[in-house]
Amino acid sequence: MLDTISQLLKSNSKAKIITDGIVPEFKLSPIFRKYGLAIDIGTTTIAAKLYGKDGNLLNEESRLNPQSKFGADVISRIEASMKGEKTALSNIIAEELDKIIISLAETTEIQTDEIDAVVITGNTVMLHLLTGTDVTPLSKAPFNVVLASQVVHRTDNPSSPSVPDAP
């Protein structure tokens, strides 16, 4: 696996953006073998929860979103991105996610490579900023979404978290 969220975002060859609005078939069981992590990127706060294979919550953490240095609201961050700060906005949130993952693993006494799957969600602007996707279409009506559905990352590295094949 790529060692960090930062590396994943920089390796365009490992990600697929699905935009046709389809919902993949799924089993009602965890998609991970050992540990799964859910992260919600909010405008103000990042919240993360680590789950065991049995579905029990093992650990959780929240932190302030460091993108706030570019502005307290999504409009300020859209403006900052459009003025050349797109990479900085992506990097600062990806690096914070890396820190959260490391912290959760350490306090749960597991290795980061034991986390089999990570699901990241957030509002449309936060996800565009995370992935370095152009936010210009979100800056004015009709507010066209570029990143409409999901980003799926797969890897062949056996020590890496894995995501089942998407359609």
Foldseek 3Di string as FASTA:
>chain_A
DPLFLVVVLVCVVFKDFDAPPDDFDDDPADPADFKAKEWEDELFKIKMWIAGRVGDTQDIDMDTQPCCVQPSDLLSVLVVLVVPCLVVLQVSRRVVVRVRLCVRCVVSVHDSLNHQYYHYYYDQSSVCSNSSHRQVLCNDPPRDRPRHDDMAGADPDPSHRGDPDGD
